[in-house]
Protein backbone atom coordinates (compact mmCIF):
# COMPACT_ATOMS: atom_id res chain seq x y z
CA MET A 1 -11.58 -2.25 -27.29
CA ALA A 2 -12.19 -0.72 -23.83
CA LYS A 3 -14.97 1.86 -23.48
CA PHE A 4 -14.62 5.00 -21.34
CA ASP A 5 -17.13 7.57 -20.13
CA VAL A 6 -16.03 11.07 -21.19
CA THR A 7 -16.81 13.89 -18.78
CA GLY A 8 -17.52 17.46 -19.87
CA GLU A 9 -14.20 18.59 -18.42
CA GLN A 10 -12.33 15.91 -20.38
CA TYR A 11 -14.20 16.83 -23.59
CA PHE A 12 -13.29 20.51 -23.36
CA GLY A 13 -9.70 19.61 -22.41
CA ILE A 14 -9.32 17.43 -25.52
CA THR A 15 -10.93 20.09 -27.74
CA LYS A 16 -8.54 22.71 -26.36
CA LYS A 17 -5.55 20.50 -27.14
CA LEU A 18 -6.79 19.87 -30.70
CA LEU A 19 -7.26 23.60 -31.32
CA HIS A 20 -3.73 24.21 -30.06
CA ILE A 21 -2.37 21.58 -32.48
CA GLU A 22 -4.35 23.19 -35.31
CA ARG A 23 -2.86 26.60 -34.55
CA GLN A 24 0.66 25.14 -34.39
CA VAL A 25 0.36 23.24 -37.67
CA CYS A 26 -1.91 25.42 -39.82
CA LEU A 27 -2.02 28.97 -38.56
CA THR A 28 1.69 29.84 -38.38
CA ALA A 29 4.18 30.37 -41.16
CA GLU A 30 6.58 27.86 -39.65
CA SER A 31 5.85 25.10 -37.18
CA SER A 32 8.11 23.01 -34.97
CA ILE A 33 5.65 20.15 -35.38
CA ASP A 34 5.88 17.89 -38.43
CA PRO A 35 2.32 17.88 -39.88
CA GLU A 36 2.81 14.41 -41.35
CA LEU A 37 3.65 12.99 -37.92
CA VAL A 38 0.63 14.77 -36.44
CA LYS A 39 -1.60 13.23 -39.10
CA LEU A 40 -0.25 9.75 -38.40
CA ALA A 41 -0.58 10.17 -34.63
CA LEU A 42 -4.19 11.35 -34.92
CA GLN A 43 -5.01 8.45 -37.24
CA ASP A 44 -3.59 6.05 -34.64
CA ILE A 45 -5.91 7.59 -32.05
CA VAL A 46 -8.89 7.23 -34.40
CA ASP A 47 -7.92 3.59 -34.98
CA GLY A 48 -7.55 2.96 -31.25
CA LYS A 49 -3.78 2.47 -31.42
CA PHE A 50 -2.68 4.50 -28.42
CA ILE A 51 1.06 5.07 -28.04
CA TYR A 52 0.71 6.68 -24.60
CA GLU A 53 -0.34 4.41 -21.75
CA ARG A 54 -1.75 5.63 -18.46
CA GLU A 55 0.79 5.24 -15.66
CA ASP A 56 -0.03 2.57 -13.12
CA ASN A 57 -0.17 4.32 -9.73
CA THR A 58 -0.86 1.14 -7.76
CA ILE A 59 1.36 1.06 -4.68
CA LEU A 60 0.43 -2.43 -3.47
CA SER A 61 -0.17 -5.83 -5.00
CA LEU A 62 -2.29 -8.50 -3.30
CA LEU A 63 -0.17 -11.56 -2.54
CA SER A 64 -2.57 -13.78 -0.62
CA LYS A 65 -5.32 -13.74 -3.32
CA ASP A 66 -7.01 -17.17 -3.03
CA GLU A 67 -5.40 -17.98 0.32
CA SER A 68 -7.53 -18.12 3.47
CA ILE A 69 -5.57 -16.38 6.23
CA ILE A 70 -7.46 -16.19 9.50
CA ILE A 71 -6.36 -14.79 12.86
CA ASP A 72 -8.08 -16.70 15.65
CA PRO A 73 -10.19 -14.87 18.28
CA CYS A 74 -8.00 -12.95 20.74
CA ASP A 75 -8.88 -11.79 24.23
CA GLY A 76 -6.53 -8.81 23.85
CA TYR A 77 -4.48 -9.43 26.98
CA GLU A 78 -1.25 -10.38 25.24
CA THR A 79 1.04 -7.49 24.31
CA ILE A 80 4.19 -7.05 22.24
CA THR A 81 6.48 -6.21 25.18
CA ASN A 82 5.56 -9.53 26.82
CA ALA A 83 5.95 -11.56 23.63
CA LYS A 84 9.64 -12.34 24.03
CA LYS A 85 9.13 -15.98 23.02
CA THR A 86 7.57 -14.86 19.75
CA PHE A 87 10.01 -12.05 18.94
CA LYS A 88 13.18 -13.75 20.11
CA SER A 89 15.68 -11.54 18.27
CA GLU A 90 14.56 -8.10 19.42
CA ILE A 91 11.60 -6.02 20.59
CA ASP A 92 11.92 -2.30 19.92
CA LYS A 93 12.23 -0.29 23.15
CA ASN A 94 9.73 2.19 21.71
CA PHE A 95 6.97 -0.27 22.55
CA GLU A 96 7.75 0.40 26.21
CA ASN A 97 8.16 4.14 25.67
CA LEU A 98 4.69 4.38 24.15
CA PHE A 99 3.16 2.48 27.06
CA THR A 100 1.81 -0.20 24.76
CA ASP A 101 1.97 -2.82 27.52
CA LYS A 102 -1.77 -2.55 28.10
CA PRO A 103 -4.59 -4.96 27.20
CA SER A 104 -6.55 -4.15 24.06
CA LYS A 105 -10.11 -5.00 23.12
CA ALA A 106 -11.08 -8.60 22.47
CA THR A 107 -11.40 -9.48 18.79
CA LYS A 108 -13.34 -12.11 16.89
CA GLU A 109 -11.95 -14.38 14.19
CA THR A 110 -10.46 -12.01 11.63
CA VAL A 111 -9.72 -12.69 7.97
CA VAL A 112 -6.65 -10.77 6.78
CA GLU A 113 -4.86 -10.17 3.49
CA VAL A 114 -1.17 -9.85 2.70
CA TYR A 115 0.04 -7.22 0.23
CA GLN A 116 3.41 -6.39 -1.28
CA THR A 117 4.77 -2.96 -2.18
CA THR A 118 5.30 -2.28 -5.89
CA LYS A 119 6.29 1.41 -5.73
CA ASN A 120 8.40 3.64 -3.52
CA ALA A 121 6.09 5.04 -0.83
CA THR A 122 5.79 6.34 2.71
CA LEU A 123 3.82 4.38 5.30
CA VAL A 124 0.92 6.83 5.05
CA GLN A 125 0.81 6.42 1.26
CA MET A 126 0.82 2.63 1.58
CA PHE A 127 -2.11 2.47 3.98
CA ALA A 128 -3.98 5.36 2.32
CA SER A 129 -3.94 3.41 -0.97
CA PHE A 130 -6.63 1.11 0.47
CA GLY A 131 -9.10 4.01 0.40
CA ALA A 132 -10.50 3.05 3.81
CA ASP A 133 -10.57 4.59 7.29
CA PHE A 134 -7.26 3.89 8.98
CA ASP A 135 -9.13 2.52 12.02
CA LYS A 136 -10.48 -0.28 9.84
CA LEU A 137 -6.95 -1.27 8.81
CA CYS A 138 -5.65 -1.72 12.35
CA LEU A 139 -4.87 -4.93 14.17
CA THR A 140 -4.33 -5.30 17.91
CA GLN A 141 -1.01 -6.31 19.47
CA HIS A 142 -2.50 -9.68 20.38
CA GLN A 143 -3.60 -10.21 16.76
CA ILE A 144 -0.15 -9.29 15.43
CA LYS A 145 1.50 -11.75 17.82
CA SER A 146 -0.99 -14.45 16.84
CA PHE A 147 -0.42 -13.86 13.11
CA CYS A 148 3.37 -14.04 13.46
CA GLU A 149 3.16 -17.34 15.33
CA LYS A 150 0.64 -18.96 13.00
CA TYR A 151 1.70 -17.61 9.61
CA PHE A 152 5.48 -17.33 9.75
CA GLU A 153 5.64 -18.11 6.01
CA TRP A 154 3.74 -14.87 5.27
CA LEU A 155 6.39 -12.68 6.90
CA ASP A 156 8.92 -10.84 4.76
CA VAL A 157 12.59 -11.19 5.69
CA TYR A 158 13.10 -7.43 5.75
CA ALA A 159 9.78 -6.05 7.05
CA THR A 160 6.08 -6.85 7.27
CA PHE A 161 3.96 -3.87 8.34
CA PHE A 162 0.96 -3.86 10.68
CA LEU A 163 -1.04 -0.74 11.56
CA LEU A 164 -1.66 -0.20 15.27
CA LYS A 165 -3.52 2.41 17.25
CA VAL A 166 -2.17 3.44 20.65
CA GLY A 167 -4.67 5.77 22.31
CA ASP A 168 -5.52 8.20 19.52
CA GLN A 169 -2.18 7.74 17.76
CA PHE A 170 -1.47 5.50 14.77
CA VAL A 171 1.88 3.67 14.68
CA VAL A 172 3.25 0.91 12.48
CA ALA A 173 4.81 -2.31 13.74
CA SER A 174 7.38 -3.86 11.42
CA VAL A 175 8.28 -7.53 11.78
CA GLY A 176 11.35 -9.07 10.18
CA THR A 177 13.21 -12.38 10.33
CA SER A 178 16.87 -12.34 11.36
CA SER A 179 17.13 -16.13 10.97
CA PRO A 180 14.71 -19.09 10.63
CA GLY A 181 12.31 -19.07 13.55
CA ARG A 182 13.70 -15.83 15.01
CA LEU A 183 11.70 -12.63 14.66
CA PHE A 184 12.34 -9.02 15.56
CA ILE A 185 9.73 -6.28 15.78
CA GLY A 186 10.22 -2.55 15.40
CA LEU A 187 7.93 0.44 15.83
CA ASN A 188 7.66 3.23 13.25
CA LYS A 189 5.99 6.62 13.27
CA PHE A 190 2.98 6.46 10.98
CA SER A 191 3.56 10.04 9.82
CA SER A 192 7.24 9.47 9.03
CA GLU A 193 8.32 11.00 5.72
CA ASN A 194 10.75 8.14 5.15
CA VAL A 195 10.22 6.65 1.68
CA TRP A 196 10.51 2.86 1.59
CA CYS A 197 12.11 1.53 -1.57
CA LYS A 198 10.05 -0.82 -3.74
CA CYS A 199 13.21 -2.90 -4.24
CA TYR A 200 12.63 -4.49 -0.81
CA LYS A 201 9.13 -5.69 -1.84
CA LEU A 202 7.82 -5.17 1.68
CA TYR A 203 4.72 -6.92 3.01
CA MET A 204 1.63 -5.45 4.67
CA VAL A 205 -1.08 -7.27 6.62
CA VAL A 206 -4.55 -5.74 6.99
CA PRO A 207 -8.06 -7.00 7.79
CA LYS A 208 -9.88 -8.09 4.67
CA ARG A 209 -12.43 -5.52 3.57
CA VAL A 210 -15.89 -6.82 2.67
């Protein structure tokens, strides 16, 4: 049986609930609660047979697990707008509008992980679920291009998300496959309130956290 640390706040909360049950069952002439069912439910709790299970709030599930996925060192000079051979189907015009056609910093060999969405969520909720600074979840344009060329099998048909930083602004690149060997890349506002459905089982690629 699992063991849990009980805080003072939790202790007083449980005690308050038990006193409320006692008043409902014992201190009123008539009660809407069946005392026999209450007795059975409390006995189940004493025996460790919990009927209620804590809801799983996990938004993402790690797909790559034991896989070693490594983006090679990048000098940062390659950009999305110039990657027409990589993204043959389409490159979102917003990459030009945001003036992303600029070199980024050089990066060393980077180990990344691939996740899959398991709940409906916005982009902010997805990336916030890692519990890390957003800066540490970003990849450069050159790294995204390199990943897409080297690890095509780790791209979702509908969308694989990568977090980017343009100046002081976070944006999200989404890569999809229109047909075998043909990729398209879109650009999404990080702060968008659009909720992505879990039914698509979207992918996310982020640097592995130590």
